[in-house]
N, C-alpha and C. Protein backbone atom coordinates (compact mmCIF):
# COMPACT_ATOMS: atom_id res chain seq x y z
N MET A 1 0.85 -1.19 0.00
CA MET A 1 0.00 0.00 0.00
C MET A 1 0.88 1.24 0.00
N ASN A 2 0.67 2.10 -0.95
CA ASN A 2 1.45 3.31 -1.09
C ASN A 2 0.55 4.49 -0.74
N PHE A 3 0.83 5.17 0.39
CA PHE A 3 0.02 6.31 0.76
C PHE A 3 0.84 7.33 1.52
N ALA A 4 0.25 8.52 1.70
CA ALA A 4 0.89 9.59 2.47
C ALA A 4 -0.19 10.33 3.24
N VAL A 5 0.22 11.02 4.28
CA VAL A 5 -0.68 11.90 5.03
C VAL A 5 -0.19 13.31 4.81
N ILE A 6 -1.07 14.15 4.24
CA ILE A 6 -0.70 15.55 3.96
C ILE A 6 -1.55 16.47 4.80
N LYS A 7 -1.07 17.70 4.93
CA LYS A 7 -1.80 18.72 5.68
C LYS A 7 -2.05 19.89 4.74
N THR A 8 -3.33 20.28 4.59
CA THR A 8 -3.69 21.44 3.79
C THR A 8 -5.01 22.00 4.29
N GLY A 9 -5.12 23.30 4.31
CA GLY A 9 -6.35 23.94 4.75
C GLY A 9 -6.68 23.68 6.21
N GLY A 10 -5.67 23.42 7.05
CA GLY A 10 -5.90 23.17 8.45
C GLY A 10 -6.39 21.77 8.76
N LYS A 11 -6.42 20.90 7.76
CA LYS A 11 -6.89 19.52 7.94
C LYS A 11 -5.84 18.55 7.43
N GLN A 12 -5.95 17.29 7.85
CA GLN A 12 -5.04 16.25 7.40
C GLN A 12 -5.80 15.24 6.56
N TYR A 13 -5.16 14.77 5.48
CA TYR A 13 -5.79 13.83 4.55
C TYR A 13 -4.85 12.67 4.28
N LYS A 14 -5.40 11.46 4.28
CA LYS A 14 -4.64 10.28 3.88
C LYS A 14 -4.89 10.10 2.38
N VAL A 15 -3.82 10.17 1.59
CA VAL A 15 -3.96 10.14 0.13
C VAL A 15 -3.08 9.06 -0.47
N SER A 16 -3.50 8.57 -1.63
CA SER A 16 -2.71 7.63 -2.41
C SER A 16 -2.84 8.00 -3.88
N PRO A 17 -1.90 7.60 -4.74
CA PRO A 17 -1.97 7.98 -6.15
C PRO A 17 -3.26 7.49 -6.82
N GLY A 18 -3.86 8.37 -7.63
CA GLY A 18 -5.10 8.05 -8.33
C GLY A 18 -6.35 8.42 -7.55
N GLN A 19 -6.20 8.79 -6.29
CA GLN A 19 -7.35 9.12 -5.45
C GLN A 19 -7.81 10.55 -5.71
N LYS A 20 -9.12 10.78 -5.63
CA LYS A 20 -9.70 12.11 -5.76
C LYS A 20 -10.21 12.54 -4.39
N ILE A 21 -9.81 13.76 -3.97
CA ILE A 21 -10.23 14.25 -2.65
C ILE A 21 -10.79 15.67 -2.78
N LYS A 22 -11.72 15.99 -1.89
CA LYS A 22 -12.26 17.35 -1.77
C LYS A 22 -11.52 18.01 -0.63
N ILE A 23 -10.87 19.14 -0.93
CA ILE A 23 -10.13 19.87 0.10
C ILE A 23 -10.63 21.30 0.15
N GLU A 24 -10.19 22.03 1.18
CA GLU A 24 -10.51 23.46 1.26
C GLU A 24 -9.97 24.14 0.01
N LYS A 25 -10.65 25.17 -0.44
CA LYS A 25 -10.33 25.81 -1.71
C LYS A 25 -8.89 26.30 -1.79
N ILE A 26 -8.25 26.00 -2.91
CA ILE A 26 -6.89 26.46 -3.21
C ILE A 26 -7.01 27.48 -4.34
N ASP A 27 -6.29 28.58 -4.24
CA ASP A 27 -6.34 29.59 -5.30
C ASP A 27 -5.45 29.15 -6.46
N ALA A 28 -6.02 28.38 -7.36
CA ALA A 28 -5.32 27.92 -8.57
C ALA A 28 -6.38 27.59 -9.61
N GLU A 29 -5.95 27.53 -10.86
CA GLU A 29 -6.88 27.26 -11.95
C GLU A 29 -7.12 25.76 -12.10
N GLU A 30 -8.26 25.44 -12.75
CA GLU A 30 -8.57 24.04 -13.02
C GLU A 30 -7.58 23.48 -14.04
N ASN A 31 -7.36 22.17 -13.98
CA ASN A 31 -6.43 21.43 -14.85
C ASN A 31 -4.99 21.87 -14.69
N LYS A 32 -4.65 22.49 -13.58
CA LYS A 32 -3.27 22.86 -13.27
C LYS A 32 -2.74 21.96 -12.16
N GLY A 33 -1.43 21.83 -12.13
CA GLY A 33 -0.81 21.01 -11.10
C GLY A 33 -0.69 21.76 -9.78
N VAL A 34 -0.67 21.02 -8.71
CA VAL A 34 -0.50 21.59 -7.38
C VAL A 34 0.43 20.66 -6.59
N VAL A 35 1.27 21.26 -5.74
CA VAL A 35 2.23 20.49 -4.95
C VAL A 35 1.94 20.74 -3.47
N PHE A 36 1.82 19.65 -2.72
CA PHE A 36 1.62 19.73 -1.27
C PHE A 36 2.96 19.46 -0.60
N ASP A 37 3.51 20.47 0.09
CA ASP A 37 4.81 20.36 0.73
C ASP A 37 4.73 19.80 2.15
N GLU A 38 3.60 20.01 2.80
CA GLU A 38 3.46 19.58 4.19
C GLU A 38 3.03 18.11 4.24
N VAL A 39 4.03 17.23 4.20
CA VAL A 39 3.79 15.78 4.24
C VAL A 39 4.16 15.29 5.64
N LEU A 40 3.20 14.68 6.33
CA LEU A 40 3.41 14.26 7.71
C LEU A 40 3.88 12.81 7.83
N LEU A 41 3.50 11.96 6.83
CA LEU A 41 3.84 10.54 6.90
C LEU A 41 3.85 9.97 5.49
N ILE A 42 4.78 9.05 5.24
CA ILE A 42 4.82 8.34 3.95
C ILE A 42 4.97 6.85 4.23
N ASP A 43 4.14 6.04 3.56
CA ASP A 43 4.24 4.58 3.64
C ASP A 43 4.35 4.06 2.21
N ASP A 44 5.49 3.45 1.87
CA ASP A 44 5.67 2.93 0.51
C ASP A 44 5.46 1.42 0.43
N GLY A 45 4.95 0.81 1.48
CA GLY A 45 4.71 -0.63 1.48
C GLY A 45 5.81 -1.40 2.18
N LYS A 46 7.04 -0.88 2.13
CA LYS A 46 8.17 -1.55 2.77
C LYS A 46 8.55 -0.89 4.09
N LYS A 47 8.59 0.45 4.07
CA LYS A 47 8.93 1.17 5.30
C LYS A 47 8.03 2.38 5.47
N VAL A 48 7.90 2.79 6.70
CA VAL A 48 7.07 3.95 7.05
C VAL A 48 7.98 5.06 7.53
N GLU A 49 7.80 6.25 6.95
CA GLU A 49 8.58 7.42 7.35
C GLU A 49 7.65 8.40 8.03
N VAL A 50 7.92 8.71 9.28
CA VAL A 50 7.09 9.64 10.04
C VAL A 50 7.89 10.92 10.25
N GLY A 51 7.27 12.06 9.96
CA GLY A 51 7.95 13.34 10.09
C GLY A 51 7.97 13.84 11.52
N GLN A 52 8.86 14.81 11.76
CA GLN A 52 9.00 15.39 13.09
C GLN A 52 8.90 16.90 13.03
N PRO A 53 7.88 17.60 12.64
CA PRO A 53 6.54 17.13 12.28
C PRO A 53 6.39 16.81 10.79
N LEU A 54 7.33 17.27 9.92
CA LEU A 54 7.20 17.02 8.49
C LEU A 54 8.31 16.09 8.00
N VAL A 55 8.04 15.36 6.94
CA VAL A 55 9.05 14.50 6.32
C VAL A 55 9.89 15.39 5.40
N LYS A 56 11.21 15.38 5.60
CA LYS A 56 12.09 16.25 4.82
C LYS A 56 12.17 15.80 3.37
N GLY A 57 12.02 16.74 2.45
CA GLY A 57 12.16 16.47 1.02
C GLY A 57 10.98 15.75 0.39
N ALA A 58 9.93 15.52 1.14
CA ALA A 58 8.77 14.79 0.61
C ALA A 58 7.75 15.76 0.03
N LYS A 59 7.14 15.35 -1.07
CA LYS A 59 6.11 16.15 -1.72
C LYS A 59 5.03 15.22 -2.26
N VAL A 60 3.84 15.77 -2.39
CA VAL A 60 2.74 15.06 -3.03
C VAL A 60 2.24 15.96 -4.15
N GLU A 61 2.20 15.42 -5.36
CA GLU A 61 1.75 16.19 -6.51
C GLU A 61 0.32 15.79 -6.87
N GLY A 62 -0.44 16.78 -7.31
CA GLY A 62 -1.82 16.54 -7.69
C GLY A 62 -2.24 17.45 -8.82
N LYS A 63 -3.46 17.25 -9.28
CA LYS A 63 -4.01 18.05 -10.37
C LYS A 63 -5.40 18.49 -9.96
N ILE A 64 -5.69 19.79 -10.09
CA ILE A 64 -6.99 20.31 -9.71
C ILE A 64 -7.99 19.99 -10.82
N LEU A 65 -9.00 19.20 -10.48
CA LEU A 65 -10.02 18.81 -11.45
C LEU A 65 -11.17 19.82 -11.52
N LYS A 66 -11.54 20.38 -10.35
CA LYS A 66 -12.71 21.26 -10.33
C LYS A 66 -12.64 22.21 -9.15
N GLN A 67 -13.05 23.45 -9.36
CA GLN A 67 -13.26 24.44 -8.30
C GLN A 67 -14.78 24.63 -8.21
N ASP A 68 -15.36 24.36 -7.07
CA ASP A 68 -16.82 24.41 -6.96
C ASP A 68 -17.22 24.79 -5.55
N ARG A 69 -18.53 24.81 -5.32
CA ARG A 69 -19.06 25.05 -3.99
C ARG A 69 -19.95 23.87 -3.60
N ALA A 70 -19.93 23.52 -2.32
CA ALA A 70 -20.70 22.38 -1.83
C ALA A 70 -22.19 22.72 -1.81
N ASP A 71 -23.02 21.73 -1.52
CA ASP A 71 -24.46 21.94 -1.41
C ASP A 71 -24.75 22.93 -0.28
N LYS A 72 -25.87 23.62 -0.40
CA LYS A 72 -26.24 24.63 0.58
C LYS A 72 -26.67 23.97 1.88
N ILE A 73 -26.18 24.54 2.99
CA ILE A 73 -26.66 24.13 4.30
C ILE A 73 -27.44 25.30 4.89
N THR A 74 -28.39 25.01 5.75
CA THR A 74 -29.23 26.04 6.36
C THR A 74 -28.83 26.21 7.82
N ILE A 75 -28.59 27.47 8.20
CA ILE A 75 -28.29 27.81 9.58
C ILE A 75 -29.51 28.52 10.12
N PHE A 76 -30.10 28.01 11.20
CA PHE A 76 -31.30 28.60 11.76
C PHE A 76 -31.08 28.84 13.24
N LYS A 77 -31.11 30.13 13.64
CA LYS A 77 -30.98 30.48 15.05
C LYS A 77 -32.36 30.86 15.56
N TYR A 78 -32.66 30.45 16.79
CA TYR A 78 -33.99 30.67 17.32
C TYR A 78 -33.93 30.77 18.84
N LYS A 79 -34.61 31.77 19.38
CA LYS A 79 -34.75 31.89 20.83
C LYS A 79 -36.23 31.88 21.16
N SER A 80 -36.63 30.94 21.98
CA SER A 80 -38.05 30.80 22.28
C SER A 80 -38.55 31.98 23.12
N LYS A 81 -39.77 32.38 22.89
CA LYS A 81 -40.49 33.42 23.63
C LYS A 81 -39.87 34.81 23.46
N LYS A 82 -38.95 35.01 22.55
CA LYS A 82 -38.29 36.32 22.38
C LYS A 82 -38.50 36.90 20.99
N ARG A 83 -39.26 36.23 20.14
CA ARG A 83 -39.50 36.66 18.76
C ARG A 83 -38.19 36.88 17.99
N TYR A 84 -37.23 36.01 18.23
CA TYR A 84 -35.94 36.10 17.55
C TYR A 84 -35.73 34.85 16.72
N GLN A 85 -35.56 35.04 15.44
CA GLN A 85 -35.18 33.93 14.57
C GLN A 85 -34.42 34.47 13.37
N VAL A 86 -33.34 33.78 13.02
CA VAL A 86 -32.50 34.16 11.89
C VAL A 86 -32.27 32.92 11.05
N LYS A 87 -32.52 33.03 9.75
CA LYS A 87 -32.31 31.91 8.84
C LYS A 87 -31.28 32.34 7.81
N ARG A 88 -30.20 31.56 7.68
CA ARG A 88 -29.15 31.86 6.71
C ARG A 88 -28.76 30.59 5.98
N GLY A 89 -28.19 30.76 4.82
CA GLY A 89 -27.66 29.64 4.06
C GLY A 89 -26.17 29.83 3.83
N HIS A 90 -25.47 28.74 3.54
CA HIS A 90 -24.02 28.82 3.31
C HIS A 90 -23.61 27.72 2.34
N ARG A 91 -22.74 28.06 1.40
CA ARG A 91 -22.14 27.09 0.49
C ARG A 91 -20.63 27.20 0.60
N GLN A 92 -20.00 26.15 1.09
CA GLN A 92 -18.56 26.15 1.31
C GLN A 92 -17.82 25.88 0.00
N PRO A 93 -16.88 26.74 -0.39
CA PRO A 93 -16.09 26.47 -1.60
C PRO A 93 -15.08 25.34 -1.35
N PHE A 94 -14.83 24.54 -2.40
CA PHE A 94 -13.86 23.45 -2.28
C PHE A 94 -13.14 23.26 -3.61
N SER A 95 -12.04 22.53 -3.56
CA SER A 95 -11.28 22.13 -4.74
C SER A 95 -11.28 20.61 -4.79
N LEU A 96 -11.57 20.06 -5.96
CA LEU A 96 -11.49 18.62 -6.17
C LEU A 96 -10.13 18.33 -6.79
N VAL A 97 -9.31 17.55 -6.09
CA VAL A 97 -7.92 17.30 -6.50
C VAL A 97 -7.71 15.81 -6.71
N GLU A 98 -7.05 15.46 -7.81
CA GLU A 98 -6.64 14.08 -8.04
C GLU A 98 -5.15 13.98 -7.74
N ILE A 99 -4.78 13.04 -6.88
CA ILE A 99 -3.38 12.84 -6.50
C ILE A 99 -2.68 12.06 -7.62
N THR A 100 -1.58 12.63 -8.14
CA THR A 100 -0.88 11.98 -9.24
C THR A 100 0.31 11.16 -8.77
N LYS A 101 1.16 11.73 -7.89
CA LYS A 101 2.27 10.92 -7.39
C LYS A 101 2.79 11.43 -6.04
N ILE A 102 3.45 10.52 -5.35
CA ILE A 102 4.06 10.81 -4.05
C ILE A 102 5.55 10.72 -4.20
N ILE A 103 6.24 11.80 -3.84
CA ILE A 103 7.71 11.86 -3.95
C ILE A 103 8.28 11.86 -2.54
N SER A 104 9.12 10.85 -2.24
CA SER A 104 9.70 10.79 -0.89
C SER A 104 11.15 11.20 -0.87
């Protein structure tokens, strides 16, 4: 099993080549390459390399497939007996990235 753990957008993702992941929006164009420098762990099937906190010289390359926004969620605030209610909607932007290769 060949995989890595990367950190982007304040979150950690376990990725492997060929996998498609939704991450927090990256300011880049569609069909362009992107490099993730913050690699926390690499497993190539034979040995596991754990960073302290990052693995030195390791990178994960990917390709941005789509820049989009997620489905709308509804936020509803309500206080009983006070005639207070607020209804809002939100669509979180995201980037769909396909992982192309892991460089250790």
